[in-house]
Protein backbone atom coordinates (compact mmCIF):
# COMPACT_ATOMS: atom_id res chain seq x y z
CA UNK A 1 42.50 167.51 136.41
CA UNK A 2 39.98 169.41 134.13
CA UNK A 3 36.32 167.93 134.44
CA UNK A 4 34.11 166.75 131.68
CA UNK A 5 31.38 168.94 130.37
CA UNK A 6 28.97 166.17 131.33
CA UNK A 7 28.18 166.58 135.05
CA UNK A 8 28.34 162.77 135.90
CA UNK A 9 32.10 162.98 136.14
CA UNK A 10 34.38 165.19 137.98
CA UNK A 11 37.42 163.58 136.48
CA UNK A 12 38.20 163.14 132.67
CA UNK A 13 40.73 160.12 133.07
CA UNK A 14 41.57 157.47 135.34
CA UNK A 15 45.11 157.11 136.69
CA UNK A 16 46.70 153.54 136.53
CA UNK A 17 48.92 152.42 139.13
CA UNK A 18 52.25 150.41 139.06
CA UNK A 19 54.14 148.71 141.88
CA UNK A 20 54.00 151.32 144.93
CA UNK A 21 57.50 152.58 145.90
CA UNK A 22 59.31 151.27 142.74
CA UNK A 23 58.94 154.34 140.54
CA UNK A 24 62.51 155.00 140.04
CA UNK A 25 63.19 151.64 138.87
CA UNK A 26 60.13 151.10 136.50
CA UNK A 27 62.26 150.86 133.23
CA UNK A 28 64.27 147.93 134.82
CA UNK A 29 60.78 146.18 135.95
CA UNK A 30 59.61 146.57 132.32
CA UNK A 31 62.44 144.18 131.10
CA UNK A 32 60.75 140.98 132.80
CA UNK A 33 57.13 142.04 131.60
CA UNK A 34 58.56 142.54 128.19
CA UNK A 35 60.07 139.20 128.21
CA UNK A 36 56.96 137.65 129.46
CA UNK A 37 54.92 139.21 126.78
CA UNK A 38 57.15 138.19 123.85
CA UNK A 39 57.58 134.69 125.15
CA UNK A 40 53.86 134.28 125.69
CA UNK A 41 52.85 135.87 122.33
CA UNK A 42 55.30 133.52 120.53
CA UNK A 43 54.50 130.51 122.41
CA UNK A 44 50.80 130.71 121.66
CA UNK A 45 51.17 131.89 118.17
CA UNK A 46 53.33 128.77 117.54
CA UNK A 47 50.29 126.51 119.26
CA UNK A 48 48.11 128.04 116.68
CA UNK A 49 50.34 127.57 113.79
CA UNK A 50 51.45 123.80 114.58
CA UNK A 51 47.69 123.07 115.10
CA UNK A 52 46.59 124.52 111.89
CA UNK A 53 49.18 123.12 109.85
CA UNK A 54 49.23 119.56 111.13
CA UNK A 55 46.07 117.37 110.05
CA UNK A 56 47.00 114.99 112.87
CA UNK A 57 46.31 117.63 115.45
CA UNK A 58 42.77 118.29 114.20
CA UNK A 59 41.54 116.47 116.97
CA UNK A 60 39.13 117.63 119.77
CA UNK A 61 41.69 118.33 122.37
CA UNK A 62 43.98 120.17 120.08
CA UNK A 63 41.21 122.08 118.60
CA UNK A 64 40.13 123.31 122.13
CA UNK A 65 43.78 124.12 122.95
CA UNK A 66 44.02 126.27 119.99
CA UNK A 67 40.89 128.07 121.18
CA UNK A 68 42.48 128.47 124.60
CA UNK A 69 45.65 129.79 123.21
CA UNK A 70 43.79 132.55 120.87
CA UNK A 71 41.84 133.46 124.23
CA UNK A 72 45.21 134.02 125.87
CA UNK A 73 46.72 135.85 122.78
CA UNK A 74 43.60 138.29 123.27
CA UNK A 75 44.14 138.86 126.95
CA UNK A 76 47.64 139.84 126.46
CA UNK A 77 46.87 142.16 123.90
CA UNK A 78 44.07 143.70 126.00
CA UNK A 79 46.40 144.36 129.02
CA UNK A 80 49.97 145.01 127.20
CA UNK A 81 49.22 148.85 126.34
CA UNK A 82 48.46 149.98 129.75
CA UNK A 83 51.26 147.71 131.72
CA UNK A 84 53.90 148.31 129.12
CA UNK A 85 52.75 152.03 129.14
CA UNK A 86 53.38 152.70 132.80
CA UNK A 87 56.79 150.95 133.16
CA UNK A 88 58.19 152.10 130.04
CA UNK A 89 56.75 155.53 129.26
CA UNK A 90 55.35 156.35 132.81
CA UNK A 91 52.12 156.90 131.06
CA UNK A 92 49.35 156.33 133.48
CA UNK A 93 46.28 158.31 132.45
CA UNK A 94 43.73 156.36 130.49
CA UNK A 95 40.22 158.02 129.43
CA UNK A 96 36.80 156.74 130.59
CA UNK A 97 35.83 155.17 127.25
CA UNK A 98 39.13 153.18 127.01
CA UNK A 99 39.12 151.98 130.30
CA UNK A 100 35.57 150.94 130.09
CA UNK A 101 36.46 149.13 126.75
CA UNK A 102 39.45 147.42 128.26
CA UNK A 103 37.74 146.17 131.32
CA UNK A 104 34.84 144.62 129.04
CA UNK A 105 37.52 142.90 126.90
CA UNK A 106 39.63 141.78 129.98
CA UNK A 107 36.58 140.23 131.96
CA UNK A 108 34.99 138.81 128.62
CA UNK A 109 38.22 136.93 127.57
CA UNK A 110 38.62 135.49 131.07
CA UNK A 111 35.25 134.26 131.09
CA UNK A 112 35.86 132.59 127.55
CA UNK A 113 38.98 131.07 128.97
CA UNK A 114 36.78 129.53 131.86
CA UNK A 115 34.37 128.21 129.18
CA UNK A 116 37.32 126.63 127.17
CA UNK A 117 38.80 124.94 130.30
CA UNK A 118 35.19 123.72 130.99
CA UNK A 119 35.14 122.21 127.26
CA UNK A 120 38.58 120.59 127.92
CA UNK A 121 37.36 119.08 130.85
CA UNK A 122 34.47 117.71 128.97
CA UNK A 123 36.99 116.30 126.42
CA UNK A 124 38.98 114.56 129.01
CA UNK A 125 35.56 113.06 130.58
CA UNK A 126 34.58 111.50 127.28
CA UNK A 127 38.09 110.24 126.53
CA UNK A 128 38.44 108.45 129.87
CA UNK A 129 34.73 107.26 130.72
CA UNK A 130 33.48 106.76 127.16
CA UNK A 131 36.67 106.13 124.96
CA UNK A 132 34.60 104.05 122.28
CA UNK A 133 32.12 107.10 121.42
CA UNK A 134 34.87 109.73 121.86
CA UNK A 135 34.97 110.40 118.15
CA UNK A 136 31.23 110.32 117.68
CA UNK A 137 30.60 112.78 120.44
CA UNK A 138 33.02 115.26 119.96
CA UNK A 139 32.77 115.92 116.32
CA UNK A 140 34.27 119.35 114.99
CA UNK A 141 30.53 120.65 114.42
CA UNK A 142 29.41 119.84 118.10
CA UNK A 143 32.76 121.68 119.43
CA UNK A 144 32.12 124.57 117.25
CA UNK A 145 28.43 124.84 118.52
CA UNK A 146 29.49 124.39 122.25
CA UNK A 147 32.20 126.95 121.89
CA UNK A 148 29.91 129.42 120.22
CA UNK A 149 27.24 129.04 122.92
CA UNK A 150 29.86 129.53 125.67
CA UNK A 151 31.51 132.63 123.78
CA UNK A 152 28.01 134.32 123.33
CA UNK A 153 27.20 133.86 127.06
CA UNK A 154 30.42 135.46 128.00
CA UNK A 155 30.17 138.31 125.87
CA UNK A 156 26.40 138.63 126.60
CA UNK A 157 26.59 138.72 130.26
CA UNK A 158 29.25 141.16 130.34
CA UNK A 159 27.80 143.61 127.76
CA UNK A 160 25.77 145.73 130.22
CA UNK A 161 29.12 146.23 132.53
CA UNK A 162 30.45 149.43 130.85
CA UNK A 163 27.19 151.00 130.31
CA UNK A 164 26.34 150.46 134.24
CA UNK A 165 29.71 151.94 135.12
CA UNK A 166 29.40 154.95 132.84
CA UNK A 167 26.26 156.35 134.48
CA UNK A 168 27.99 156.57 137.85
CA UNK A 169 29.52 159.74 139.11
CA UNK A 170 33.03 159.52 139.84
CA UNK A 171 33.90 162.24 142.53
CA UNK A 172 36.10 160.22 145.17
CA UNK A 173 39.36 159.73 143.32
CA UNK A 174 40.36 158.65 140.17
CA UNK A 175 43.34 156.39 140.99
CA UNK A 176 42.91 152.62 140.31
CA UNK A 177 44.66 149.96 142.09
CA UNK A 178 46.10 148.21 139.05
CA UNK A 179 47.96 148.48 135.83
CA UNK A 180 44.91 147.92 133.87
CA UNK A 181 41.13 148.42 134.38
CA UNK A 182 38.93 146.01 136.33
CA UNK A 183 35.30 146.26 136.75
CA UNK A 184 35.42 146.04 140.76
CA UNK A 185 38.29 148.46 140.74
CA UNK A 186 36.49 151.07 138.83
CA UNK A 187 33.12 150.51 140.66
CA UNK A 188 34.76 151.29 144.04
CA UNK A 189 35.44 154.92 142.73
CA UNK A 190 31.95 155.76 142.49
CA UNK A 191 30.28 158.07 144.66
CA UNK A 192 26.82 156.52 143.80
CA UNK A 193 25.03 153.50 145.05
CA UNK A 194 26.91 150.64 143.64
CA UNK A 195 24.52 147.86 145.23
CA UNK A 196 22.71 146.65 141.88
CA UNK A 197 26.21 146.76 140.09
CA UNK A 198 27.75 144.68 142.87
CA UNK A 199 24.92 142.14 142.91
CA UNK A 200 24.82 142.03 139.07
CA UNK A 201 28.58 141.21 139.05
CA UNK A 202 28.36 138.74 141.63
CA UNK A 203 25.52 136.99 139.76
CA UNK A 204 27.61 136.97 136.45
CA UNK A 205 30.31 135.45 138.57
CA UNK A 206 28.18 132.74 139.56
CA UNK A 207 26.72 131.90 136.26
CA UNK A 208 29.99 131.62 134.67
CA UNK A 209 33.19 131.03 136.79
CA UNK A 210 31.59 129.15 139.66
CA UNK A 211 29.36 127.29 137.43
CA UNK A 212 32.12 126.15 135.37
CA UNK A 213 34.36 125.11 138.40
CA UNK A 214 31.29 122.88 139.57
CA UNK A 215 31.04 121.13 136.19
CA UNK A 216 34.74 120.76 136.03
CA UNK A 217 34.70 119.25 139.53
CA UNK A 218 32.16 116.82 138.74
CA UNK A 219 33.87 115.83 135.52
CA UNK A 220 36.99 114.78 137.56
CA UNK A 221 34.90 113.21 139.92
CA UNK A 222 33.56 110.84 137.21
CA UNK A 223 36.96 110.47 135.70
CA UNK A 224 38.43 109.43 139.20
CA UNK A 225 35.48 106.95 139.48
CA UNK A 226 36.20 105.21 136.19
CA UNK A 227 40.06 105.31 136.60
CA UNK A 228 39.60 103.49 140.13
CA UNK A 229 37.44 100.95 138.49
CA UNK A 230 40.30 100.07 136.09
CA UNK A 231 41.91 96.91 137.77
CA UNK A 232 45.35 97.56 135.64
CA UNK A 233 47.46 100.19 137.84
CA UNK A 234 49.46 101.20 134.70
CA UNK A 235 46.26 101.95 132.60
CA UNK A 236 44.92 104.15 135.70
CA UNK A 237 48.11 106.18 135.67
CA UNK A 238 48.11 106.48 131.96
CA UNK A 239 44.60 107.90 132.05
CA UNK A 240 45.19 110.45 134.81
CA UNK A 241 48.44 111.37 133.09
CA UNK A 242 46.44 112.71 130.18
CA UNK A 243 44.73 115.12 132.56
CA UNK A 244 48.01 116.76 134.26
CA UNK A 245 48.19 119.47 131.63
CA UNK A 246 44.64 120.56 132.00
CA UNK A 247 44.61 120.49 135.77
CA UNK A 248 47.75 122.50 135.76
CA UNK A 249 45.82 125.03 133.50
CA UNK A 250 42.75 124.85 135.67
CA UNK A 251 44.87 125.69 138.85
CA UNK A 252 46.64 128.60 137.01
CA UNK A 253 43.49 130.24 135.83
CA UNK A 254 41.15 129.92 138.63
CA UNK A 255 43.33 130.32 141.90
CA UNK A 256 44.46 133.89 140.92
CA UNK A 257 40.88 134.69 139.44
CA UNK A 258 39.23 133.74 142.91
CA UNK A 259 41.77 135.10 145.14
CA UNK A 260 41.70 138.49 143.26
CA UNK A 261 37.78 138.54 143.28
CA UNK A 262 37.92 137.87 146.94
CA UNK A 263 40.45 140.45 147.66
CA UNK A 264 38.48 143.36 145.80
CA UNK A 265 35.26 142.20 147.77
CA UNK A 266 36.40 141.60 151.28
CA UNK A 267 40.12 142.77 151.41
CA UNK A 268 39.69 146.34 151.73
CA UNK A 269 42.19 146.32 154.76
CA UNK A 270 44.61 144.05 152.98
CA UNK A 271 48.22 145.12 152.00
CA UNK A 272 47.95 146.55 148.48
CA UNK A 273 51.09 144.54 147.08
CA UNK A 274 49.54 141.16 147.27
CA UNK A 275 46.66 142.58 145.35
CA UNK A 276 48.94 143.96 142.64
CA UNK A 277 51.00 140.91 142.35
CA UNK A 278 47.65 138.58 141.99
CA UNK A 279 46.62 141.02 139.36
CA UNK A 280 49.65 140.51 137.34
CA UNK A 281 49.59 136.49 138.09
CA UNK A 282 45.80 136.72 136.84
CA UNK A 283 46.68 138.01 133.24
CA UNK A 284 50.33 137.08 132.84
CA UNK A 285 50.94 133.60 134.06
CA UNK A 286 48.43 131.50 132.37
CA UNK A 287 49.16 132.60 128.69
CA UNK A 288 53.01 132.11 129.62
CA UNK A 289 52.65 128.88 131.24
CA UNK A 290 50.03 126.93 129.32
CA UNK A 291 52.00 126.53 126.07
CA UNK A 292 54.74 125.01 128.20
CA UNK A 293 52.85 122.78 130.03
CA UNK A 294 50.91 121.46 127.06
CA UNK A 295 54.10 121.12 124.89
CA UNK A 296 55.94 119.32 127.67
CA UNK A 297 53.31 116.64 128.35
CA UNK A 298 52.67 115.89 124.52
CA UNK A 299 55.66 114.05 122.85
CA UNK A 300 54.35 114.32 119.43
CA UNK A 301 53.12 117.93 120.03
CA UNK A 302 56.87 118.94 121.34
CA UNK A 303 58.33 117.48 118.21
CA UNK A 304 56.15 119.42 115.79
CA UNK A 305 56.95 122.64 117.74
CA UNK A 306 60.64 121.75 117.61
CA UNK A 307 60.45 121.37 113.81
CA UNK A 308 59.04 124.92 113.35
CA UNK A 309 62.78 125.92 114.56
CA UNK A 310 64.71 123.16 113.14
CA UNK A 311 63.49 121.98 109.77
């Protein structure tokens, strides 16, 4: 591998990794990946189209759902070139600048998705705990302001990441653990002191993901407290039923996110295969399942989606 003129780097590219030991069957492995991408892109695009064209869906819950779908589309677009490039064309090389850009967009979009899930939990909290003021509290202008603040938070906190990685010397190896670039994965290849970067990444994670998880947990504690105080069992179950879709989205996003972060930080001796499978679940499963869950739980929303295909 030819070195760069800049002496900070020994290698000019990183090498991405597919599923170890399955190099001869990569083309067949690409088929389910292609199907997942097609179904996810179509599903999230339909959600955006239906919400945009139906005035009855211009409500806080569906506006936030459209933001979640747009974020999922961005995450799919950020990971698709390298994942399909490996399995369809055996193209494993990615240069430094493209890798740094990809990891920035992946992590930023992940934090934005966490922010959307937080806002959706706040939507459920207001709808159940203070239904009479729901419309006056969650106005479109207020939703737009809260979303903008959280998006700026995600983009600004992660903005230093590519520059912090760029100043390192990469002289140990140039083989990454995944089919796309992640901050923790790239950082491990540096032969410089990464203590500051590791602490900064942990601080960003605490200020965003863990902070969002705590607020979502508190929202559901208040929701449960309100629901349990209702004497009618039917009304209680009906109120909780409106939260099922959001709870599924929360679990689908945070369980792989936290598990992958823990493996990167503390699982150096663990098997490489679970780490790879978690990385695919982390970026592919939420965009695939979220449209299905929300369309199944909402009768009117499901009917509007069916009308897209059958006039």
